[in-house]
PDB file of N, CA and C in Angstrom:
ATOM      1  N   MET A   1     157.006 147.884  24.600  1.00  0.00           N
ATOM      2  CA  MET A   1     155.609 147.867  24.137  1.00  0.00           C
ATOM      3  C   MET A   1     155.341 148.927  23.178  1.00  0.00           C
ATOM      4  N   ASP A   2     154.557 149.077  22.356  1.00  0.00           N
ATOM      5  CA  ASP A   2     154.212 150.428  21.081  1.00  0.00           C
ATOM      6  C   ASP A   2     153.377 151.258  21.946  1.00  0.00           C
ATOM      7  N   LYS A   3     153.911 152.470  21.909  1.00  0.00           N
ATOM      8  CA  LYS A   3     152.756 153.581  23.092  1.00  0.00           C
ATOM      9  C   LYS A   3     151.647 153.944  22.027  1.00  0.00           C
ATOM     10  N   GLN A   4     151.865 153.472  21.103  1.00  0.00           N
ATOM     11  CA  GLN A   4     150.790 154.379  20.200  1.00  0.00           C
ATOM     12  C   GLN A   4     148.939 153.117  20.788  1.00  0.00           C
ATOM     13  N   LEU A   5     149.480 152.106  21.089  1.00  0.00           N
ATOM     14  CA  LEU A   5     148.072 151.031  22.217  1.00  0.00           C
ATOM     15  C   LEU A   5     147.436 151.771  23.192  1.00  0.00           C
ATOM     16  N   ILE A   6     148.180 152.747  24.027  1.00  0.00           N
ATOM     17  CA  ILE A   6     147.689 153.438  24.961  1.00  0.00           C
ATOM     18  C   ILE A   6     147.484 154.991  24.921  1.00  0.00           C
ATOM     19  N   PRO A   7     146.550 155.549  24.894  1.00  0.00           N
ATOM     20  CA  PRO A   7     145.868 156.967  24.984  1.00  0.00           C
ATOM     21  C   PRO A   7     147.252 157.863  25.575  1.00  0.00           C
ATOM     22  N   ASN A   8     147.512 159.032  24.969  1.00  0.00           N
ATOM     23  CA  ASN A   8     148.655 159.596  25.617  1.00  0.00           C
ATOM     24  C   ASN A   8     148.056 160.110  27.313  1.00  0.00           C
ATOM     25  N   ALA A   9     146.547 160.081  27.013  1.00  0.00           N
ATOM     26  CA  ALA A   9     145.972 160.664  28.917  1.00  0.00           C
ATOM     27  C   ALA A   9     147.029 159.836  29.490  1.00  0.00           C
ATOM     28  N   PHE A  10     147.258 158.153  29.220  1.00  0.00           N
ATOM     29  CA  PHE A  10     147.508 157.572  30.408  1.00  0.00           C
ATOM     30  C   PHE A  10     149.062 156.862  30.405  1.00  0.00           C
ATOM     31  N   LEU A  11     149.993 157.470  29.262  1.00  0.00           N
ATOM     32  CA  LEU A  11     151.116 157.378  28.895  1.00  0.00           C
ATOM     33  C   LEU A  11     152.484 157.595  30.410  1.00  0.00           C
ATOM     34  N   PRO A  12     152.794 157.293  30.719  1.00  0.00           N
ATOM     35  CA  PRO A  12     153.902 157.956  31.569  1.00  0.00           C
ATOM     36  C   PRO A  12     155.078 158.354  31.112  1.00  0.00           C
ATOM     37  N   GLU A  13     155.597 159.930  31.414  1.00  0.00           N
ATOM     38  CA  GLU A  13     156.604 160.761  30.705  1.00  0.00           C
ATOM     39  C   GLU A  13     158.201 160.046  30.779  1.00  0.00           C
ATOM     40  N   LYS A  14     157.744 158.671  29.349  1.00  0.00           N
ATOM     41  CA  LYS A  14     159.276 158.377  29.706  1.00  0.00           C
ATOM     42  C   LYS A  14     159.555 158.607  27.614  1.00  0.00           C
ATOM     43  N   GLU A  15     160.400 159.608  27.378  1.00  0.00           N
ATOM     44  CA  GLU A  15     160.757 160.684  26.135  1.00  0.00           C
ATOM     45  C   GLU A  15     161.435 159.497  25.078  1.00  0.00           C
ATOM     46  N   GLY A  16     161.244 159.474  24.057  1.00  0.00           N
ATOM     47  CA  GLY A  16     162.150 158.118  23.782  1.00  0.00           C
ATOM     48  C   GLY A  16     162.541 156.674  24.261  1.00  0.00           C
ATOM     49  N   GLU A  17     162.183 156.592  25.215  1.00  0.00           N
ATOM     50  CA  GLU A  17     162.782 155.062  25.554  1.00  0.00           C
ATOM     51  C   GLU A  17     161.073 154.093  25.604  1.00  0.00           C
ATOM     52  N   ASP A  18     161.536 152.725  25.154  1.00  0.00           N
ATOM     53  CA  ASP A  18     160.579 151.603  25.415  1.00  0.00           C
ATOM     54  C   ASP A  18     160.143 151.786  26.907  1.00  0.00           C
ATOM     55  N   ILE A  19     158.808 151.195  27.156  1.00  0.00           N
ATOM     56  CA  ILE A  19     158.868 151.200  28.410  1.00  0.00           C
ATOM     57  C   ILE A  19     157.202 149.218  28.477  1.00  0.00           C
ATOM     58  N   SER A  20     158.240 148.685  28.908  1.00  0.00           N
ATOM     59  CA  SER A  20     157.632 147.152  29.443  1.00  0.00           C
ATOM     60  C   SER A  20     155.578 147.346  29.409  1.00  0.00           C
ATOM     61  N   GLU A  21     155.449 146.085  29.346  1.00  0.00           N
ATOM     62  CA  GLU A  21     154.112 146.129  29.298  1.00  0.00           C
ATOM     63  C   GLU A  21     153.266 146.190  30.949  1.00  0.00           C
ATOM     64  N   MET A  22     154.356 145.708  31.917  1.00  0.00           N
ATOM     65  CA  MET A  22     154.052 145.371  33.151  1.00  0.00           C
ATOM     66  C   MET A  22     154.197 146.980  33.648  1.00  0.00           C
ATOM     67  N   GLU A  23     155.114 148.185  33.355  1.00  0.00           N
ATOM     68  CA  GLU A  23     155.233 149.608  33.539  1.00  0.00           C
ATOM     69  C   GLU A  23     153.970 150.208  33.164  1.00  0.00           C
ATOM     70  N   VAL A  24     153.689 149.524  31.900  1.00  0.00           N
ATOM     71  CA  VAL A  24     152.281 150.265  31.603  1.00  0.00           C
ATOM     72  C   VAL A  24     151.273 149.645  32.241  1.00  0.00           C
ATOM     73  N   LEU A  25     151.079 148.816  32.636  1.00  0.00           N
ATOM     74  CA  LEU A  25     150.261 148.288  34.000  1.00  0.00           C
ATOM     75  C   LEU A  25     149.863 149.552  34.947  1.00  0.00           C
ATOM     76  N   GLN A  26     151.441 149.579  35.130  1.00  0.00           N
ATOM     77  CA  GLN A  26     151.464 149.639  36.596  1.00  0.00           C
ATOM     78  C   GLN A  26     151.391 151.526  36.366  1.00  0.00           C
ATOM     79  N   TYR A  27     151.729 152.289  35.653  1.00  0.00           N
ATOM     80  CA  TYR A  27     150.916 153.427  35.371  1.00  0.00           C
ATOM     81  C   TYR A  27     149.763 153.500  35.183  1.00  0.00           C
ATOM     82  N   LEU A  28     148.925 152.227  34.709  1.00  0.00           N
ATOM     83  CA  LEU A  28     147.615 152.793  34.465  1.00  0.00           C
ATOM     84  C   LEU A  28     146.814 152.768  35.203  1.00  0.00           C
ATOM     85  N   THR A  29     147.370 151.108  36.714  1.00  0.00           N
ATOM     86  CA  THR A  29     146.301 151.481  37.841  1.00  0.00           C
ATOM     87  C   THR A  29     147.002 152.911  38.579  1.00  0.00           C
ATOM     88  N   VAL A  30     148.122 153.636  38.510  1.00  0.00           N
ATOM     89  CA  VAL A  30     148.078 154.464  39.329  1.00  0.00           C
ATOM     90  C   VAL A  30     147.322 155.860  39.182  1.00  0.00           C
ATOM     91  N   LYS A  31     146.868 155.861  37.451  1.00  0.00           N
ATOM     92  CA  LYS A  31     146.549 156.921  36.775  1.00  0.00           C
ATOM     93  C   LYS A  31     144.724 156.994  37.334  1.00  0.00           C
ATOM     94  N   ILE A  32     143.918 155.668  37.028  1.00  0.00           N
ATOM     95  CA  ILE A  32     142.629 155.298  37.223  1.00  0.00           C
ATOM     96  C   ILE A  32     142.592 154.631  38.655  1.00  0.00           C
ATOM     97  N   ASN A  33     143.343 154.694  39.218  1.00  0.00           N
ATOM     98  CA  ASN A  33     142.954 154.954  40.890  1.00  0.00           C
ATOM     99  C   ASN A  33     143.114 156.478  41.575  1.00  0.00           C
ATOM    100  N   GLN A  34     143.797 157.584  40.576  1.00  0.00           N
ATOM    101  CA  GLN A  34     143.607 158.421  40.497  1.00  0.00           C
ATOM    102  C   GLN A  34     142.152 159.482  40.178  1.00  0.00           C
ATOM    103  N   MET A  35     141.735 158.676  38.974  1.00  0.00           N
ATOM    104  CA  MET A  35     140.440 158.970  38.154  1.00  0.00           C
ATOM    105  C   MET A  35     139.628 158.538  39.237  1.00  0.00           C
ATOM    106  N   LEU A  36     139.938 157.406  39.675  1.00  0.00           N
ATOM    107  CA  LEU A  36     138.458 157.001  40.482  1.00  0.00           C
ATOM    108  C   LEU A  36     138.033 157.910  41.694  1.00  0.00           C
ATOM    109  N   ASP A  37     139.257 158.548  42.732  1.00  0.00           N
ATOM    110  CA  ASP A  37     139.461 159.337  43.817  1.00  0.00           C
ATOM    111  C   ASP A  37     138.851 160.949  43.281  1.00  0.00           C
ATOM    112  N   GLU A  38     139.449 160.923  41.754  1.00  0.00           N
ATOM    113  CA  GLU A  38     139.037 163.125  42.029  1.00  0.00           C
ATOM    114  C   GLU A  38     137.988 163.297  40.706  1.00  0.00           C
ATOM    115  N   ASN A  39     137.758 162.227  39.867  1.00  0.00           N
ATOM    116  CA  ASN A  39     137.167 162.546  38.673  1.00  0.00           C
ATOM    117  C   ASN A  39     136.290 161.255  38.108  1.00  0.00           C
ATOM    118  N   THR A  40     135.782 160.696  38.952  1.00  0.00           N
ATOM    119  CA  THR A  40     134.963 159.139  37.791  1.00  0.00           C
ATOM    120  C   THR A  40     134.743 159.322  36.858  1.00  0.00           C
ATOM    121  N   ASP A  41     134.047 160.671  36.591  1.00  0.00           N
ATOM    122  CA  ASP A  41     133.121 161.607  35.022  1.00  0.00           C
ATOM    123  C   ASP A  41     134.098 160.856  34.320  1.00  0.00           C
ATOM    124  N   LEU A  42     135.009 161.512  34.568  1.00  0.00           N
ATOM    125  CA  LEU A  42     135.897 161.129  33.304  1.00  0.00           C
ATOM    126  C   LEU A  42     136.585 160.170  33.129  1.00  0.00           C
ATOM    127  N   LEU A  43     136.864 159.082  34.278  1.00  0.00           N
ATOM    128  CA  LEU A  43     137.380 158.013  34.230  1.00  0.00           C
ATOM    129  C   LEU A  43     136.736 157.124  32.675  1.00  0.00           C
ATOM    130  N   PHE A  44     134.874 157.315  33.292  1.00  0.00           N
ATOM    131  CA  PHE A  44     134.030 156.050  32.673  1.00  0.00           C
ATOM    132  C   PHE A  44     133.606 157.020  31.260  1.00  0.00           C
ATOM    133  N   SER A  45     134.126 158.273  31.155  1.00  0.00           N
ATOM    134  CA  SER A  45     133.853 158.409  29.791  1.00  0.00           C
ATOM    135  C   SER A  45     134.943 158.198  29.184  1.00  0.00           C
ATOM    136  N   THR A  46     136.077 158.556  29.617  1.00  0.00           N
ATOM    137  CA  THR A  46     137.840 157.456  28.792  1.00  0.00           C
ATOM    138  C   THR A  46     137.705 156.172  28.344  1.00  0.00           C
ATOM    139  N   LEU A  47     137.036 155.765  29.293  1.00  0.00           N
ATOM    140  CA  LEU A  47     136.961 154.037  29.118  1.00  0.00           C
ATOM    141  C   LEU A  47     135.584 153.639  28.086  1.00  0.00           C
ATOM    142  N   TYR A  48     134.389 154.535  27.896  1.00  0.00           N
ATOM    143  CA  TYR A  48     133.302 154.808  27.126  1.00  0.00           C
ATOM    144  C   TYR A  48     134.148 154.784  25.807  1.00  0.00           C
ATOM    145  N   ARG A  49     134.643 156.003  25.724  1.00  0.00           N
ATOM    146  CA  ARG A  49     135.813 155.882  24.195  1.00  0.00           C
ATOM    147  C   ARG A  49     136.919 155.389  23.746  1.00  0.00           C
ATOM    148  N   LEU A  50     137.085 154.366  24.930  1.00  0.00           N
ATOM    149  CA  LEU A  50     138.441 153.589  24.809  1.00  0.00           C
ATOM    150  C   LEU A  50     137.856 152.115  24.052  1.00  0.00           C
ATOM    151  N   ASP A  51     135.793 152.451  24.692  1.00  0.00           N
ATOM    152  CA  ASP A  51     135.678 151.036  23.740  1.00  0.00           C
ATOM    153  C   ASP A  51     135.778 149.964  24.696  1.00  0.00           C
ATOM    154  N   VAL A  52     135.743 150.430  25.764  1.00  0.00           N
ATOM    155  CA  VAL A  52     136.242 148.767  26.820  1.00  0.00           C
ATOM    156  C   VAL A  52     135.040 148.106  27.238  1.00  0.00           C
ATOM    157  N   ASP A  53     134.963 147.509  27.468  1.00  0.00           N
ATOM    158  CA  ASP A  53     133.758 146.623  27.294  1.00  0.00           C
ATOM    159  C   ASP A  53     132.786 146.610  28.781  1.00  0.00           C
ATOM    160  N   GLU A  54     131.716 147.520  28.708  1.00  0.00           N
ATOM    161  CA  GLU A  54     130.859 147.537  30.062  1.00  0.00           C
ATOM    162  C   GLU A  54     131.128 146.481  30.958  1.00  0.00           C
ATOM    163  N   GLU A  55     130.325 146.015  30.090  1.00  0.00           N
ATOM    164  CA  GLU A  55     130.275 144.383  31.484  1.00  0.00           C
ATOM    165  C   GLU A  55     130.802 143.727  32.176  1.00  0.00           C
ATOM    166  N   LYS A  56     132.512 144.612  31.329  1.00  0.00           N
ATOM    167  CA  LYS A  56     134.046 143.661  31.981  1.00  0.00           C
ATOM    168  C   LYS A  56     133.975 144.734  33.135  1.00  0.00           C
ATOM    169  N   ILE A  57     134.211 146.237  32.653  1.00  0.00           N
ATOM    170  CA  ILE A  57     134.329 146.913  34.396  1.00  0.00           C
ATOM    171  C   ILE A  57     133.138 146.750  35.478  1.00  0.00           C
ATOM    172  N   LYS A  58     131.285 146.186  34.958  1.00  0.00           N
ATOM    173  CA  LYS A  58     130.611 146.065  36.298  1.00  0.00           C
ATOM    174  C   LYS A  58     131.555 144.895  37.116  1.00  0.00           C
ATOM    175  N   LEU A  59     131.787 143.862  36.071  1.00  0.00           N
ATOM    176  CA  LEU A  59     132.564 142.789  36.769  1.00  0.00           C
ATOM    177  C   LEU A  59     133.909 143.045  37.920  1.00  0.00           C
ATOM    178  N   VAL A  60     134.812 143.930  36.855  1.00  0.00           N
ATOM    179  CA  VAL A  60     135.537 144.512  37.843  1.00  0.00           C
ATOM    180  C   VAL A  60     135.641 145.517  39.024  1.00  0.00           C
ATOM    181  N   LEU A  61     134.206 145.863  38.749  1.00  0.00           N
ATOM    182  CA  LEU A  61     133.681 146.545  40.038  1.00  0.00           C
ATOM    183  C   LEU A  61     132.988 146.294  41.203  1.00  0.00           C
ATOM    184  N   GLN A  62     132.577 144.871  40.580  1.00  0.00           N
ATOM    185  CA  GLN A  62     131.835 144.314  41.748  1.00  0.00           C
ATOM    186  C   GLN A  62     132.729 143.310  42.126  1.00  0.00           C
ATOM    187  N   GLN A  63     133.450 142.774  41.784  1.00  0.00           N
ATOM    188  CA  GLN A  63     134.091 141.664  42.200  1.00  0.00           C
ATOM    189  C   GLN A  63     136.103 142.256  42.826  1.00  0.00           C
ATOM    190  N   SER A  64     136.303 143.601  42.704  1.00  0.00           N
ATOM    191  CA  SER A  64     137.011 143.928  43.186  1.00  0.00           C
ATOM    192  C   SER A  64     137.680 145.157  44.313  1.00  0.00           C
ATOM    193  N   GLN A  65     138.215 145.792  44.761  1.00  0.00           N
ATOM    194  CA  GLN A  65     138.051 146.233  46.082  1.00  0.00           C
ATOM    195  C   GLN A  65     138.930 146.789  46.293  1.00  0.00           C
ATOM    196  N   GLY A  66     139.426 148.611  46.538  1.00  0.00           N
ATOM    197  CA  GLY A  66     140.464 149.031  47.011  1.00  0.00           C
ATOM    198  C   GLY A  66     140.669 149.411  45.690  1.00  0.00           C
ATOM    199  N   SER A  67     142.320 149.633  45.425  1.00  0.00           N
ATOM    200  CA  SER A  67     143.403 149.477  44.650  1.00  0.00           C
ATOM    201  C   SER A  67     143.030 148.004  43.197  1.00  0.00           C
ATOM    202  N   ALA A  68     142.674 147.265  44.204  1.00  0.00           N
ATOM    203  CA  ALA A  68     142.769 146.332  43.150  1.00  0.00           C
ATOM    204  C   ALA A  68     141.290 146.533  41.807  1.00  0.00           C
ATOM    205  N   ILE A  69     140.769 147.670  42.261  1.00  0.00           N
ATOM    206  CA  ILE A  69     139.399 147.706  40.608  1.00  0.00           C
ATOM    207  C   ILE A  69     140.715 148.735  40.108  1.00  0.00           C
ATOM    208  N   GLY A  70     140.964 149.816  40.474  1.00  0.00           N
ATOM    209  CA  GLY A  70     142.353 150.081  39.537  1.00  0.00           C
ATOM    210  C   GLY A  70     143.328 149.395  38.806  1.00  0.00           C
ATOM    211  N   ALA A  71     144.041 148.573  39.433  1.00  0.00           N
ATOM    212  CA  ALA A  71     144.268 147.264  38.625  1.00  0.00           C
ATOM    213  C   ALA A  71     143.732 146.291  37.755  1.00  0.00           C
ATOM    214  N   GLY A  72     142.320 146.351  37.912  1.00  0.00           N
ATOM    215  CA  GLY A  72     141.392 145.645  36.761  1.00  0.00           C
ATOM    216  C   GLY A  72     141.651 146.348  35.650  1.00  0.00           C
ATOM    217  N   LEU A  73     140.596 147.680  35.941  1.00  0.00           N
ATOM    218  CA  LEU A  73     140.472 148.196  34.288  1.00  0.00           C
ATOM    219  C   LEU A  73     141.532 148.519  34.209  1.00  0.00           C
ATOM    220  N   ALA A  74     142.848 148.955  34.327  1.00  0.00           N
ATOM    221  CA  ALA A  74     144.098 149.031  34.010  1.00  0.00           C
ATOM    222  C   ALA A  74     143.840 148.240  32.909  1.00  0.00           C
ATOM    223  N   LYS A  75     144.049 146.506  33.346  1.00  0.00           N
ATOM    224  CA  LYS A  75     144.249 145.417  32.328  1.00  0.00           C
ATOM    225  C   LYS A  75     142.991 145.513  31.467  1.00  0.00           C
ATOM    226  N   LEU A  76     141.870 146.257  31.300  1.00  0.00           N
ATOM    227  CA  LEU A  76     141.066 146.048  30.663  1.00  0.00           C
ATOM    228  C   LEU A  76     140.911 146.773  29.458  1.00  0.00           C
ATOM    229  N   VAL A  77     141.762 147.931  29.658  1.00  0.00           N
ATOM    230  CA  VAL A  77     142.403 149.357  29.033  1.00  0.00           C
ATOM    231  C   VAL A  77     143.455 148.515  27.959  1.00  0.00           C
ATOM    232  N   LEU A  78     144.665 147.130  28.828  1.00  0.00           N
ATOM    233  CA  LEU A  78     145.352 147.297  28.176  1.00  0.00           C
ATOM    234  C   LEU A  78     145.054 145.941  27.506  1.00  0.00           C
ATOM    235  N   ASP A  79     143.903 145.295  27.186  1.00  0.00           N
ATOM    236  CA  ASP A  79     143.842 144.468  26.717  1.00  0.00           C
ATOM    237  C   ASP A  79     143.100 144.925  24.982  1.00  0.00           C
ATOM    238  N   ARG A  80     142.040 146.143  25.832  1.00  0.00           N
ATOM    239  CA  ARG A  80     141.122 146.821  24.553  1.00  0.00           C
ATOM    240  C   ARG A  80     142.075 147.196  23.253  1.00  0.00           C
ATOM    241  N   GLN A  81     143.514 147.658  24.131  1.00  0.00           N
ATOM    242  CA  GLN A  81     144.266 148.989  22.886  1.00  0.00           C
ATOM    243  C   GLN A  81     144.974 147.159  22.065  1.00  0.00           C
ATOM    244  N   LYS A  82     144.789 146.520  22.875  1.00  0.00           N
ATOM    245  CA  LYS A  82     145.828 145.001  22.275  1.00  0.00           C
ATOM    246  C   LYS A  82     144.888 144.475  20.927  1.00  0.00           C
ATOM    247  N   GLN A  83     143.812 144.534  21.239  1.00  0.00           N
ATOM    248  CA  GLN A  83     142.873 144.237  20.301  1.00  0.00           C
ATOM    249  C   GLN A  83     142.338 144.692  19.517  1.00  0.00           C
ATOM    250  N   ARG A  84     142.521 146.203  19.125  1.00  0.00           N
ATOM    251  CA  ARG A  84     142.509 147.339  18.483  1.00  0.00           C
ATOM    252  C   ARG A  84     143.487 147.032  17.572  1.00  0.00           C
ATOM    253  N   GLU A  85     144.517 147.007  17.949  1.00  0.00           N
ATOM    254  CA  GLU A  85     145.834 147.517  17.123  1.00  0.00           C
ATOM    255  C   GLU A  85     146.127 145.280  16.386  1.00  0.00           C
ATOM    256  N   ALA A  86     145.777 144.369  16.823  1.00  0.00           N
ATOM    257  CA  ALA A  86     145.277 143.678  16.136  1.00  0.00           C
ATOM    258  C   ALA A  86     144.418 143.319  14.817  1.00  0.00           C
ATOM    259  N   THR A  87     143.441 143.987  15.475  1.00  0.00           N
ATOM    260  CA  THR A  87     141.920 144.668  14.432  1.00  0.00           C
ATOM    261  C   THR A  87     143.046 145.340  13.540  1.00  0.00           C
ATOM    262  N   LYS A  88     143.691 146.154  13.300  1.00  0.00           N
ATOM    263  CA  LYS A  88     143.644 147.488  12.367  1.00  0.00           C
ATOM    264  C   LYS A  88     145.105 146.299  12.075  1.00  0.00           C
ATOM    265  N   ARG A  89     146.143 145.759  12.292  1.00  0.00           N
ATOM    266  CA  ARG A  89     147.286 144.873  11.616  1.00  0.00           C
ATOM    267  C   ARG A  89     146.589 143.702  10.554  1.00  0.00           C
ATOM    268  N   LYS A  90     145.408 142.996  11.257  1.00  0.00           N
ATOM    269  CA  LYS A  90     144.706 143.041  10.222  1.00  0.00           C
ATOM    270  C   LYS A  90     143.872 142.711   8.996  1.00  0.00           C
ATOM    271  N   TYR A  91     143.476 143.808   9.029  1.00  0.00           N
ATOM    272  CA  TYR A  91     142.713 144.551   8.067  1.00  0.00           C
ATOM    273  C   TYR A  91     143.098 145.623   7.191  1.00  0.00           C
ATOM    274  N   ARG A  92     144.768 145.796   7.441  1.00  0.00           N
ATOM    275  CA  ARG A  92     145.585 146.671   6.671  1.00  0.00           C
ATOM    276  C   ARG A  92     145.837 145.970   5.275  1.00  0.00           C
TER     277      ARG A  92
END
């Protein structure tokens, strides 16, 4: 997986190694769950800066409980980053 898709704040420390999409999702889930517990303002600010759709965020928050919220938000972040990369490639 292209490490440029994911903001550095969310990346696991695996210098020089390729990481799978599943590893990224697992790591994002843990990091997002930590942010939910410790600093929700920072989490939502980061989601805003990443331009994750607010309606999708609300849907995840309404339909999920516990650690499933982190997993749902992680999927949204990854999907958004993939979408941004596809747009960049399209208009190069």
